[in-house]
PDB file of N, CA and C in Angstrom:
ATOM      1  N   MET A   1     -33.827 -64.872 130.708  1.00  0.00           N
ATOM      2  CA  MET A   1     -35.031 -64.673 131.749  1.00  0.00           C
ATOM      3  C   MET A   1     -33.538 -64.197 133.059  1.00  0.00           C
ATOM      4  N   THR A   2     -34.378 -63.217 133.737  1.00  0.00           N
ATOM      5  CA  THR A   2     -34.181 -62.419 135.130  1.00  0.00           C
ATOM      6  C   THR A   2     -32.529 -63.529 135.875  1.00  0.00           C
ATOM      7  N   VAL A   3     -31.535 -62.642 136.499  1.00  0.00           N
ATOM      8  CA  VAL A   3     -30.402 -63.626 137.466  1.00  0.00           C
ATOM      9  C   VAL A   3     -30.194 -62.644 138.253  1.00  0.00           C
ATOM     10  N   TYR A   4     -29.813 -63.152 139.239  1.00  0.00           N
ATOM     11  CA  TYR A   4     -29.609 -62.175 140.698  1.00  0.00           C
ATOM     12  C   TYR A   4     -27.705 -62.449 140.856  1.00  0.00           C
ATOM     13  N   ALA A   5     -27.757 -61.943 141.094  1.00  0.00           N
ATOM     14  CA  ALA A   5     -26.388 -61.636 141.681  1.00  0.00           C
ATOM     15  C   ALA A   5     -26.038 -61.061 142.856  1.00  0.00           C
ATOM     16  N   VAL A   6     -25.210 -61.778 144.014  1.00  0.00           N
ATOM     17  CA  VAL A   6     -25.193 -61.393 145.319  1.00  0.00           C
ATOM     18  C   VAL A   6     -23.668 -62.230 145.659  1.00  0.00           C
ATOM     19  N   ALA A   7     -23.516 -60.674 145.702  1.00  0.00           N
ATOM     20  CA  ALA A   7     -21.755 -60.599 146.366  1.00  0.00           C
ATOM     21  C   ALA A   7     -21.451 -59.646 148.063  1.00  0.00           C
ATOM     22  N   LEU A   8     -21.549 -60.633 148.603  1.00  0.00           N
ATOM     23  CA  LEU A   8     -20.947 -60.514 150.343  1.00  0.00           C
ATOM     24  C   LEU A   8     -18.924 -60.132 150.345  1.00  0.00           C
ATOM     25  N   LEU A   9     -19.472 -59.606 150.829  1.00  0.00           N
ATOM     26  CA  LEU A   9     -17.501 -58.575 150.680  1.00  0.00           C
ATOM     27  C   LEU A   9     -17.581 -58.461 152.058  1.00  0.00           C
ATOM     28  N   ASN A  10     -15.925 -58.626 151.979  1.00  0.00           N
ATOM     29  CA  ASN A  10     -15.764 -57.714 153.279  1.00  0.00           C
ATOM     30  C   ASN A  10     -13.855 -56.956 153.274  1.00  0.00           C
ATOM     31  N   ILE A  11     -14.797 -55.814 153.508  1.00  0.00           N
ATOM     32  CA  ILE A  11     -13.943 -54.210 153.068  1.00  0.00           C
ATOM     33  C   ILE A  11     -13.234 -54.196 154.163  1.00  0.00           C
ATOM     34  N   THR A  12     -11.740 -54.344 153.409  1.00  0.00           N
ATOM     35  CA  THR A  12     -10.250 -53.787 154.107  1.00  0.00           C
ATOM     36  C   THR A  12      -9.819 -52.456 154.341  1.00  0.00           C
ATOM     37  N   ASP A  13      -9.640 -52.150 152.949  1.00  0.00           N
ATOM     38  CA  ASP A  13      -9.020 -50.907 152.875  1.00  0.00           C
ATOM     39  C   ASP A  13     -10.335 -49.561 152.110  1.00  0.00           C
ATOM     40  N   ARG A  14     -11.349 -48.898 153.312  1.00  0.00           N
ATOM     41  CA  ARG A  14     -12.856 -48.378 153.000  1.00  0.00           C
ATOM     42  C   ARG A  14     -12.144 -47.056 151.448  1.00  0.00           C
ATOM     43  N   GLU A  15     -11.243 -46.801 151.737  1.00  0.00           N
ATOM     44  CA  GLU A  15     -10.343 -45.352 150.470  1.00  0.00           C
ATOM     45  C   GLU A  15     -10.680 -46.501 149.042  1.00  0.00           C
ATOM     46  N   GLY A  16      -9.705 -47.366 149.254  1.00  0.00           N
ATOM     47  CA  GLY A  16      -9.729 -48.492 148.358  1.00  0.00           C
ATOM     48  C   GLY A  16     -10.672 -48.835 147.816  1.00  0.00           C
ATOM     49  N   TYR A  17     -11.895 -49.656 148.535  1.00  0.00           N
ATOM     50  CA  TYR A  17     -12.795 -49.814 147.833  1.00  0.00           C
ATOM     51  C   TYR A  17     -13.689 -48.386 147.626  1.00  0.00           C
ATOM     52  N   GLY A  18     -13.762 -47.244 148.186  1.00  0.00           N
ATOM     53  CA  GLY A  18     -14.216 -45.978 146.887  1.00  0.00           C
ATOM     54  C   GLY A  18     -13.114 -46.194 146.376  1.00  0.00           C
ATOM     55  N   ARG A  19     -12.661 -45.892 145.859  1.00  0.00           N
ATOM     56  CA  ARG A  19     -12.433 -45.682 144.370  1.00  0.00           C
ATOM     57  C   ARG A  19     -12.297 -46.585 143.324  1.00  0.00           C
ATOM     58  N   TYR A  20     -13.446 -48.181 143.665  1.00  0.00           N
ATOM     59  CA  TYR A  20     -13.701 -48.970 142.817  1.00  0.00           C
ATOM     60  C   TYR A  20     -15.780 -48.783 142.600  1.00  0.00           C
ATOM     61  N   ALA A  21     -16.052 -48.392 144.180  1.00  0.00           N
ATOM     62  CA  ALA A  21     -17.130 -47.557 144.097  1.00  0.00           C
ATOM     63  C   ALA A  21     -17.647 -46.792 143.514  1.00  0.00           C
ATOM     64  N   GLN A  22     -16.662 -45.387 143.190  1.00  0.00           N
ATOM     65  CA  GLN A  22     -16.473 -43.556 142.388  1.00  0.00           C
ATOM     66  C   GLN A  22     -16.921 -44.178 140.547  1.00  0.00           C
ATOM     67  N   GLY A  23     -16.884 -45.239 140.280  1.00  0.00           N
ATOM     68  CA  GLY A  23     -16.999 -45.903 138.956  1.00  0.00           C
ATOM     69  C   GLY A  23     -17.297 -46.935 138.737  1.00  0.00           C
ATOM     70  N   PHE A  24     -18.453 -47.501 139.504  1.00  0.00           N
ATOM     71  CA  PHE A  24     -19.286 -48.570 139.262  1.00  0.00           C
ATOM     72  C   PHE A  24     -20.319 -48.691 139.219  1.00  0.00           C
ATOM     73  N   MET A  25     -21.150 -47.791 138.859  1.00  0.00           N
ATOM     74  CA  MET A  25     -22.123 -47.139 138.753  1.00  0.00           C
ATOM     75  C   MET A  25     -22.483 -47.350 136.397  1.00  0.00           C
ATOM     76  N   GLU A  26     -21.331 -46.124 136.520  1.00  0.00           N
ATOM     77  CA  GLU A  26     -21.362 -45.946 135.101  1.00  0.00           C
ATOM     78  C   GLU A  26     -21.552 -47.063 134.176  1.00  0.00           C
ATOM     79  N   ILE A  27     -20.436 -48.248 134.887  1.00  0.00           N
ATOM     80  CA  ILE A  27     -20.413 -49.474 133.751  1.00  0.00           C
ATOM     81  C   ILE A  27     -21.417 -50.322 134.172  1.00  0.00           C
ATOM     82  N   PHE A  28     -22.226 -50.617 135.195  1.00  0.00           N
ATOM     83  CA  PHE A  28     -23.315 -51.463 136.078  1.00  0.00           C
ATOM     84  C   PHE A  28     -24.034 -51.461 134.613  1.00  0.00           C
ATOM     85  N   ASP A  29     -24.612 -49.870 134.698  1.00  0.00           N
ATOM     86  CA  ASP A  29     -25.580 -49.498 133.966  1.00  0.00           C
ATOM     87  C   ASP A  29     -25.635 -49.657 132.355  1.00  0.00           C
ATOM     88  N   ARG A  30     -24.743 -49.547 132.192  1.00  0.00           N
ATOM     89  CA  ARG A  30     -24.325 -50.444 130.762  1.00  0.00           C
ATOM     90  C   ARG A  30     -25.144 -51.470 130.152  1.00  0.00           C
ATOM     91  N   TYR A  31     -24.637 -52.210 131.534  1.00  0.00           N
ATOM     92  CA  TYR A  31     -24.839 -54.059 131.278  1.00  0.00           C
ATOM     93  C   TYR A  31     -26.542 -53.893 131.312  1.00  0.00           C
ATOM     94  N   GLY A  32     -27.300 -53.215 131.532  1.00  0.00           N
ATOM     95  CA  GLY A  32     -28.546 -53.423 132.385  1.00  0.00           C
ATOM     96  C   GLY A  32     -29.105 -53.762 133.559  1.00  0.00           C
ATOM     97  N   GLY A  33     -27.360 -53.818 135.048  1.00  0.00           N
ATOM     98  CA  GLY A  33     -27.215 -53.905 135.590  1.00  0.00           C
ATOM     99  C   GLY A  33     -28.532 -52.594 136.859  1.00  0.00           C
ATOM    100  N   GLN A  34     -28.555 -53.548 137.784  1.00  0.00           N
ATOM    101  CA  GLN A  34     -30.157 -52.951 138.452  1.00  0.00           C
ATOM    102  C   GLN A  34     -30.208 -53.542 139.836  1.00  0.00           C
ATOM    103  N   LEU A  35     -29.657 -52.550 141.014  1.00  0.00           N
ATOM    104  CA  LEU A  35     -28.326 -53.142 141.764  1.00  0.00           C
ATOM    105  C   LEU A  35     -30.342 -52.990 142.964  1.00  0.00           C
ATOM    106  N   LEU A  36     -30.862 -54.042 143.732  1.00  0.00           N
ATOM    107  CA  LEU A  36     -31.545 -54.424 144.109  1.00  0.00           C
ATOM    108  C   LEU A  36     -31.971 -53.898 145.681  1.00  0.00           C
ATOM    109  N   ALA A  37     -30.634 -54.162 145.695  1.00  0.00           N
ATOM    110  CA  ALA A  37     -30.205 -53.488 147.852  1.00  0.00           C
ATOM    111  C   ALA A  37     -28.796 -53.495 148.643  1.00  0.00           C
ATOM    112  N   VAL A  38     -28.179 -52.419 149.040  1.00  0.00           N
ATOM    113  CA  VAL A  38     -26.928 -52.058 149.565  1.00  0.00           C
ATOM    114  C   VAL A  38     -26.689 -52.573 151.015  1.00  0.00           C
ATOM    115  N   GLU A  39     -26.013 -54.107 151.706  1.00  0.00           N
ATOM    116  CA  GLU A  39     -25.860 -53.667 153.301  1.00  0.00           C
ATOM    117  C   GLU A  39     -24.937 -53.512 154.055  1.00  0.00           C
ATOM    118  N   GLU A  40     -24.419 -52.603 154.864  1.00  0.00           N
ATOM    119  CA  GLU A  40     -23.937 -52.557 155.565  1.00  0.00           C
ATOM    120  C   GLU A  40     -23.856 -53.295 157.570  1.00  0.00           C
ATOM    121  N   SER A  41     -24.405 -53.452 157.421  1.00  0.00           N
ATOM    122  CA  SER A  41     -25.586 -53.767 158.113  1.00  0.00           C
ATOM    123  C   SER A  41     -26.979 -54.214 158.126  1.00  0.00           C
ATOM    124  N   PRO A  42     -27.228 -55.649 157.740  1.00  0.00           N
ATOM    125  CA  PRO A  42     -28.764 -56.429 157.480  1.00  0.00           C
ATOM    126  C   PRO A  42     -28.996 -57.297 158.976  1.00  0.00           C
ATOM    127  N   THR A  43     -30.253 -57.059 158.902  1.00  0.00           N
ATOM    128  CA  THR A  43     -30.758 -57.856 159.883  1.00  0.00           C
ATOM    129  C   THR A  43     -30.728 -59.345 159.415  1.00  0.00           C
ATOM    130  N   VAL A  44     -30.196 -59.990 160.785  1.00  0.00           N
ATOM    131  CA  VAL A  44     -29.760 -61.122 160.467  1.00  0.00           C
ATOM    132  C   VAL A  44     -30.792 -62.043 161.704  1.00  0.00           C
ATOM    133  N   ILE A  45     -31.588 -63.193 160.956  1.00  0.00           N
ATOM    134  CA  ILE A  45     -32.941 -63.894 161.452  1.00  0.00           C
ATOM    135  C   ILE A  45     -31.913 -64.913 162.147  1.00  0.00           C
ATOM    136  N   GLU A  46     -30.552 -65.258 161.131  1.00  0.00           N
ATOM    137  CA  GLU A  46     -29.904 -66.897 161.249  1.00  0.00           C
ATOM    138  C   GLU A  46     -29.009 -66.583 161.383  1.00  0.00           C
ATOM    139  N   GLY A  47     -27.870 -67.957 162.332  1.00  0.00           N
ATOM    140  CA  GLY A  47     -26.672 -67.746 162.095  1.00  0.00           C
ATOM    141  C   GLY A  47     -25.472 -66.249 162.182  1.00  0.00           C
ATOM    142  N   ASP A  48     -24.454 -66.442 161.618  1.00  0.00           N
ATOM    143  CA  ASP A  48     -23.526 -65.459 162.076  1.00  0.00           C
ATOM    144  C   ASP A  48     -23.949 -64.725 160.309  1.00  0.00           C
ATOM    145  N   TRP A  49     -22.968 -63.652 160.524  1.00  0.00           N
ATOM    146  CA  TRP A  49     -23.178 -62.677 159.269  1.00  0.00           C
ATOM    147  C   TRP A  49     -22.114 -62.027 159.224  1.00  0.00           C
ATOM    148  N   PRO A  50     -20.236 -62.015 158.919  1.00  0.00           N
ATOM    149  CA  PRO A  50     -19.326 -61.819 158.711  1.00  0.00           C
ATOM    150  C   PRO A  50     -19.215 -60.675 157.864  1.00  0.00           C
ATOM    151  N   HIS A  51     -19.962 -59.912 157.170  1.00  0.00           N
ATOM    152  CA  HIS A  51     -19.395 -59.350 155.757  1.00  0.00           C
ATOM    153  C   HIS A  51     -19.625 -57.912 156.471  1.00  0.00           C
ATOM    154  N   THR A  52     -18.921 -56.904 155.272  1.00  0.00           N
ATOM    155  CA  THR A  52     -19.125 -55.690 156.662  1.00  0.00           C
ATOM    156  C   THR A  52     -19.612 -55.065 155.367  1.00  0.00           C
ATOM    157  N   ARG A  53     -20.400 -56.039 153.751  1.00  0.00           N
ATOM    158  CA  ARG A  53     -21.789 -55.639 152.607  1.00  0.00           C
ATOM    159  C   ARG A  53     -22.032 -56.680 152.036  1.00  0.00           C
ATOM    160  N   THR A  54     -23.111 -56.290 151.604  1.00  0.00           N
ATOM    161  CA  THR A  54     -23.844 -57.024 150.919  1.00  0.00           C
ATOM    162  C   THR A  54     -25.086 -56.911 149.721  1.00  0.00           C
ATOM    163  N   VAL A  55     -24.820 -57.009 148.507  1.00  0.00           N
ATOM    164  CA  VAL A  55     -25.359 -56.379 147.178  1.00  0.00           C
ATOM    165  C   VAL A  55     -25.778 -57.272 147.544  1.00  0.00           C
ATOM    166  N   LEU A  56     -27.486 -57.169 146.647  1.00  0.00           N
ATOM    167  CA  LEU A  56     -27.767 -57.686 145.633  1.00  0.00           C
ATOM    168  C   LEU A  56     -28.689 -56.850 144.248  1.00  0.00           C
ATOM    169  N   ALA A  57     -28.046 -57.814 143.854  1.00  0.00           N
ATOM    170  CA  ALA A  57     -28.519 -57.236 141.595  1.00  0.00           C
ATOM    171  C   ALA A  57     -29.030 -57.815 140.841  1.00  0.00           C
ATOM    172  N   SER A  58     -29.329 -57.429 139.907  1.00  0.00           N
ATOM    173  CA  SER A  58     -30.273 -58.443 138.984  1.00  0.00           C
ATOM    174  C   SER A  58     -29.475 -57.657 137.110  1.00  0.00           C
ATOM    175  N   PHE A  59     -30.337 -58.464 136.394  1.00  0.00           N
ATOM    176  CA  PHE A  59     -30.010 -58.733 135.409  1.00  0.00           C
ATOM    177  C   PHE A  59     -30.792 -59.182 134.235  1.00  0.00           C
ATOM    178  N   PRO A  60     -30.961 -58.158 133.047  1.00  0.00           N
ATOM    179  CA  PRO A  60     -32.027 -58.946 132.364  1.00  0.00           C
ATOM    180  C   PRO A  60     -32.026 -61.023 131.955  1.00  0.00           C
ATOM    181  N   ASN A  61     -30.701 -61.750 132.045  1.00  0.00           N
ATOM    182  CA  ASN A  61     -30.548 -62.381 131.568  1.00  0.00           C
ATOM    183  C   ASN A  61     -28.741 -62.930 131.452  1.00  0.00           C
ATOM    184  N   ALA A  62     -28.388 -63.984 131.507  1.00  0.00           N
ATOM    185  CA  ALA A  62     -26.858 -64.100 132.708  1.00  0.00           C
ATOM    186  C   ALA A  62     -26.214 -63.438 131.457  1.00  0.00           C
ATOM    187  N   GLU A  63     -26.143 -64.114 130.464  1.00  0.00           N
ATOM    188  CA  GLU A  63     -25.076 -63.356 129.559  1.00  0.00           C
ATOM    189  C   GLU A  63     -24.971 -61.748 129.501  1.00  0.00           C
ATOM    190  N   ALA A  64     -26.050 -60.944 129.936  1.00  0.00           N
ATOM    191  CA  ALA A  64     -25.405 -59.451 130.609  1.00  0.00           C
ATOM    192  C   ALA A  64     -25.184 -59.698 131.703  1.00  0.00           C
ATOM    193  N   LEU A  65     -25.010 -60.527 132.795  1.00  0.00           N
ATOM    194  CA  LEU A  65     -23.663 -59.722 134.165  1.00  0.00           C
ATOM    195  C   LEU A  65     -23.141 -60.949 133.215  1.00  0.00           C
ATOM    196  N   ASP A  66     -22.544 -61.649 132.556  1.00  0.00           N
ATOM    197  CA  ASP A  66     -21.233 -62.898 132.203  1.00  0.00           C
ATOM    198  C   ASP A  66     -21.331 -61.182 131.214  1.00  0.00           C
ATOM    199  N   SER A  67     -21.425 -61.097 130.587  1.00  0.00           N
ATOM    200  CA  SER A  67     -20.996 -59.698 129.559  1.00  0.00           C
ATOM    201  C   SER A  67     -20.549 -58.446 130.231  1.00  0.00           C
ATOM    202  N   TRP A  68     -21.004 -57.722 131.175  1.00  0.00           N
ATOM    203  CA  TRP A  68     -20.975 -56.715 132.388  1.00  0.00           C
ATOM    204  C   TRP A  68     -19.367 -57.358 133.528  1.00  0.00           C
ATOM    205  N   TYR A  69     -19.601 -58.389 133.836  1.00  0.00           N
ATOM    206  CA  TYR A  69     -18.561 -59.676 134.749  1.00  0.00           C
ATOM    207  C   TYR A  69     -17.385 -59.160 133.388  1.00  0.00           C
ATOM    208  N   ARG A  70     -17.178 -59.678 132.634  1.00  0.00           N
ATOM    209  CA  ARG A  70     -16.068 -59.802 132.126  1.00  0.00           C
ATOM    210  C   ARG A  70     -15.382 -58.236 130.945  1.00  0.00           C
ATOM    211  N   SER A  71     -15.585 -57.331 130.965  1.00  0.00           N
ATOM    212  CA  SER A  71     -15.812 -56.467 130.318  1.00  0.00           C
ATOM    213  C   SER A  71     -14.757 -55.656 130.369  1.00  0.00           C
ATOM    214  N   PRO A  72     -13.863 -55.269 130.264  1.00  0.00           N
ATOM    215  CA  PRO A  72     -12.019 -55.125 129.846  1.00  0.00           C
ATOM    216  C   PRO A  72     -12.228 -53.445 131.015  1.00  0.00           C
ATOM    217  N   GLU A  73     -13.874 -52.823 130.696  1.00  0.00           N
ATOM    218  CA  GLU A  73     -14.102 -51.978 131.209  1.00  0.00           C
ATOM    219  C   GLU A  73     -13.788 -51.831 132.563  1.00  0.00           C
ATOM    220  N   TYR A  74     -15.361 -53.391 133.148  1.00  0.00           N
ATOM    221  CA  TYR A  74     -15.347 -53.650 134.782  1.00  0.00           C
ATOM    222  C   TYR A  74     -13.758 -54.735 135.057  1.00  0.00           C
ATOM    223  N   GLN A  75     -13.102 -55.601 134.693  1.00  0.00           N
ATOM    224  CA  GLN A  75     -11.687 -55.513 135.194  1.00  0.00           C
ATOM    225  C   GLN A  75     -10.720 -54.705 135.566  1.00  0.00           C
ATOM    226  N   ALA A  76     -10.527 -53.950 134.977  1.00  0.00           N
ATOM    227  CA  ALA A  76     -10.006 -52.579 135.428  1.00  0.00           C
ATOM    228  C   ALA A  76     -10.292 -52.113 136.462  1.00  0.00           C
ATOM    229  N   LEU A  77     -11.705 -51.707 136.428  1.00  0.00           N
ATOM    230  CA  LEU A  77     -11.894 -50.750 137.799  1.00  0.00           C
ATOM    231  C   LEU A  77     -12.008 -52.148 139.090  1.00  0.00           C
ATOM    232  N   ALA A  78     -12.244 -52.989 138.588  1.00  0.00           N
ATOM    233  CA  ALA A  78     -12.570 -54.067 139.395  1.00  0.00           C
ATOM    234  C   ALA A  78     -11.269 -54.336 140.089  1.00  0.00           C
ATOM    235  N   GLN A  79      -9.969 -53.673 140.179  1.00  0.00           N
ATOM    236  CA  GLN A  79      -8.876 -53.946 140.741  1.00  0.00           C
ATOM    237  C   GLN A  79      -9.357 -53.908 141.761  1.00  0.00           C
ATOM    238  N   HIS A  80      -9.483 -52.733 141.767  1.00  0.00           N
ATOM    239  CA  HIS A  80      -9.351 -51.725 143.219  1.00  0.00           C
ATOM    240  C   HIS A  80     -10.201 -51.872 143.822  1.00  0.00           C
ATOM    241  N   ARG A  81     -11.302 -53.522 143.128  1.00  0.00           N
ATOM    242  CA  ARG A  81     -11.864 -53.758 144.936  1.00  0.00           C
ATOM    243  C   ARG A  81     -11.297 -54.870 145.004  1.00  0.00           C
ATOM    244  N   PHE A  82     -10.209 -55.877 144.958  1.00  0.00           N
ATOM    245  CA  PHE A  82      -9.450 -56.867 145.034  1.00  0.00           C
ATOM    246  C   PHE A  82      -8.685 -56.740 145.574  1.00  0.00           C
ATOM    247  N   ASP A  83      -7.927 -55.084 145.296  1.00  0.00           N
ATOM    248  CA  ASP A  83      -6.538 -55.255 146.507  1.00  0.00           C
ATOM    249  C   ASP A  83      -7.336 -55.150 147.919  1.00  0.00           C
ATOM    250  N   ALA A  84      -8.736 -54.170 147.956  1.00  0.00           N
ATOM    251  CA  ALA A  84      -9.916 -53.276 148.696  1.00  0.00           C
ATOM    252  C   ALA A  84     -10.112 -54.112 149.857  1.00  0.00           C
ATOM    253  N   ALA A  85     -10.764 -55.372 149.406  1.00  0.00           N
ATOM    254  CA  ALA A  85     -12.049 -56.263 150.024  1.00  0.00           C
ATOM    255  C   ALA A  85     -11.663 -58.295 149.765  1.00  0.00           C
ATOM    256  N   THR A  86     -11.997 -58.694 150.208  1.00  0.00           N
ATOM    257  CA  THR A  86     -12.062 -60.036 149.283  1.00  0.00           C
ATOM    258  C   THR A  86     -13.904 -59.930 149.683  1.00  0.00           C
ATOM    259  N   THR A  87     -14.215 -60.840 148.091  1.00  0.00           N
ATOM    260  CA  THR A  87     -15.339 -61.738 147.750  1.00  0.00           C
ATOM    261  C   THR A  87     -15.994 -62.007 147.501  1.00  0.00           C
ATOM    262  N   ARG A  88     -16.898 -62.784 147.539  1.00  0.00           N
ATOM    263  CA  ARG A  88     -17.943 -64.137 146.946  1.00  0.00           C
ATOM    264  C   ARG A  88     -19.150 -63.479 146.194  1.00  0.00           C
ATOM    265  N   LEU A  89     -18.814 -63.986 144.762  1.00  0.00           N
ATOM    266  CA  LEU A  89     -20.152 -63.313 144.102  1.00  0.00           C
ATOM    267  C   LEU A  89     -20.631 -64.764 143.612  1.00  0.00           C
ATOM    268  N   VAL A  90     -22.360 -64.741 143.294  1.00  0.00           N
ATOM    269  CA  VAL A  90     -22.973 -65.528 142.608  1.00  0.00           C
ATOM    270  C   VAL A  90     -23.577 -65.461 141.854  1.00  0.00           C
ATOM    271  N   MET A  91     -24.302 -65.857 140.981  1.00  0.00           N
ATOM    272  CA  MET A  91     -25.402 -65.731 140.478  1.00  0.00           C
ATOM    273  C   MET A  91     -26.063 -66.337 140.542  1.00  0.00           C
ATOM    274  N   LEU A  92     -27.829 -66.529 140.726  1.00  0.00           N
ATOM    275  CA  LEU A  92     -28.836 -67.002 141.127  1.00  0.00           C
ATOM    276  C   LEU A  92     -29.423 -66.928 140.215  1.00  0.00           C
ATOM    277  N   ARG A  93     -30.431 -68.220 138.823  1.00  0.00           N
ATOM    278  CA  ARG A  93     -31.596 -67.595 138.110  1.00  0.00           C
ATOM    279  C   ARG A  93     -32.780 -67.534 138.618  1.00  0.00           C
ATOM    280  N   ALA A  94     -33.617 -66.179 138.461  1.00  0.00           N
ATOM    281  CA  ALA A  94     -34.760 -66.658 139.461  1.00  0.00           C
ATOM    282  C   ALA A  94     -36.135 -67.359 138.290  1.00  0.00           C
ATOM    283  N   LEU A  95     -36.981 -68.028 139.277  1.00  0.00           N
ATOM    284  CA  LEU A  95     -38.278 -68.724 139.109  1.00  0.00           C
ATOM    285  C   LEU A  95     -39.075 -68.128 138.480  1.00  0.00           C
ATOM    286  N   GLU A  96     -39.199 -68.539 137.005  1.00  0.00           N
ATOM    287  CA  GLU A  96     -39.817 -67.871 136.615  1.00  0.00           C
ATOM    288  C   GLU A  96     -40.522 -69.143 135.627  1.00  0.00           C
TER     289      GLU A  96
END
């Protein structure tokens, strides 16, 4: 079953985040991930949106998302993001 990853980020160090972004797609692609949307300034319809970047991605299933996130190569890369941003990341299951 398709799952979605939603990441809400507040980037505090653009240069450090750039190091993360540089290696992201190579690892992400290996696990069947697909970026659906990346927004710096989304159109807010209701409420406030204090995040500097919003990401929506899909994976073929929860196992693929989990394998990507927990992989040693992603965890090594993610250290750059941990140092450069605060993130909220959730997984949503598709309605199927």
